[in-house]
Amino acid sequence: MEKTSSALWKWLETLYVTKSLANCLVLKQRLFMFRMNEG
């Protein structure tokens, strides 16, 4: 599991790279709603 939000973002980009603005916004929304487990 990625440790930082920037690393997670780069990982998501490699999985879902698109040039569509809508897809980019969906990825950003998923990133901002992502919660890491404590521990």
C-alpha atoms as a PDB file:
ATOM      1  CA  MET A   1       0.000   0.000   0.000  1.00  0.00           C
ATOM      2  CA  GLU A   2       1.227   3.456  -0.819  1.00  0.00           C
ATOM      3  CA  LYS A   3       2.334   5.626   2.100  1.00  0.00           C
ATOM      4  CA  THR A   4       1.748   9.126   0.687  1.00  0.00           C
ATOM      5  CA  SER A   5      -1.073  10.726  -1.242  1.00  0.00           C
ATOM      6  CA  SER A   6       1.282  11.747  -4.048  1.00  0.00           C
ATOM      7  CA  ALA A   7       2.508   8.163  -4.456  1.00  0.00           C
ATOM      8  CA  LEU A   8      -1.093   6.942  -4.476  1.00  0.00           C
ATOM      9  CA  TRP A   9      -2.002   9.553  -7.076  1.00  0.00           C
ATOM     10  CA  LYS A  10       0.861   8.495  -9.352  1.00  0.00           C
ATOM     11  CA  TRP A  11      -0.179   4.852  -8.974  1.00  0.00           C
ATOM     12  CA  LEU A  12      -3.781   5.679  -9.892  1.00  0.00           C
ATOM     13  CA  GLU A  13      -2.590   7.662 -12.906  1.00  0.00           C
ATOM     14  CA  THR A  14      -0.653   4.669 -14.194  1.00  0.00           C
ATOM     15  CA  LEU A  15      -3.779   2.519 -13.889  1.00  0.00           C
ATOM     16  CA  TYR A  16      -6.284   4.963 -15.352  1.00  0.00           C
ATOM     17  CA  VAL A  17      -4.329   7.354 -17.580  1.00  0.00           C
ATOM     18  CA  THR A  18      -6.767   9.177 -19.814  1.00  0.00           C
ATOM     19  CA  LYS A  19      -6.959  12.553 -21.472  1.00  0.00           C
ATOM     20  CA  SER A  20     -10.582  13.101 -20.537  1.00  0.00           C
ATOM     21  CA  LEU A  21     -11.308  15.892 -18.074  1.00  0.00           C
ATOM     22  CA  ALA A  22     -14.248  13.948 -16.626  1.00  0.00           C
ATOM     23  CA  ASN A  23     -12.070  10.914 -15.880  1.00  0.00           C
ATOM     24  CA  CYS A  24      -9.411  13.132 -14.316  1.00  0.00           C
ATOM     25  CA  LEU A  25     -12.020  14.689 -12.022  1.00  0.00           C
ATOM     26  CA  VAL A  26     -13.311  11.263 -10.998  1.00  0.00           C
ATOM     27  CA  LEU A  27      -9.777  10.183 -10.074  1.00  0.00           C
ATOM     28  CA  LYS A  28      -9.262  13.320  -8.000  1.00  0.00           C
ATOM     29  CA  GLN A  29     -12.579  12.743  -6.228  1.00  0.00           C
ATOM     30  CA  ARG A  30     -11.553   9.171  -5.374  1.00  0.00           C
ATOM     31  CA  LEU A  31      -8.215  10.411  -4.072  1.00  0.00           C
ATOM     32  CA  PHE A  32      -9.799  13.027  -1.816  1.00  0.00           C
ATOM     33  CA  MET A  33     -12.350  10.543  -0.449  1.00  0.00           C
ATOM     34  CA  PHE A  34      -9.683   7.898   0.214  1.00  0.00           C
ATOM     35  CA  ARG A  35      -9.039   7.204   3.903  1.00  0.00           C
ATOM     36  CA  MET A  36      -6.020   5.353   5.227  1.00  0.00           C
ATOM     37  CA  ASN A  37      -6.424   2.887   8.069  1.00  0.00           C
ATOM     38  CA  GLU A  38      -4.946   3.874  11.409  1.00  0.00           C
ATOM     39  CA  GLY A  39      -2.167   1.760  12.729  1.00  0.00           C
END
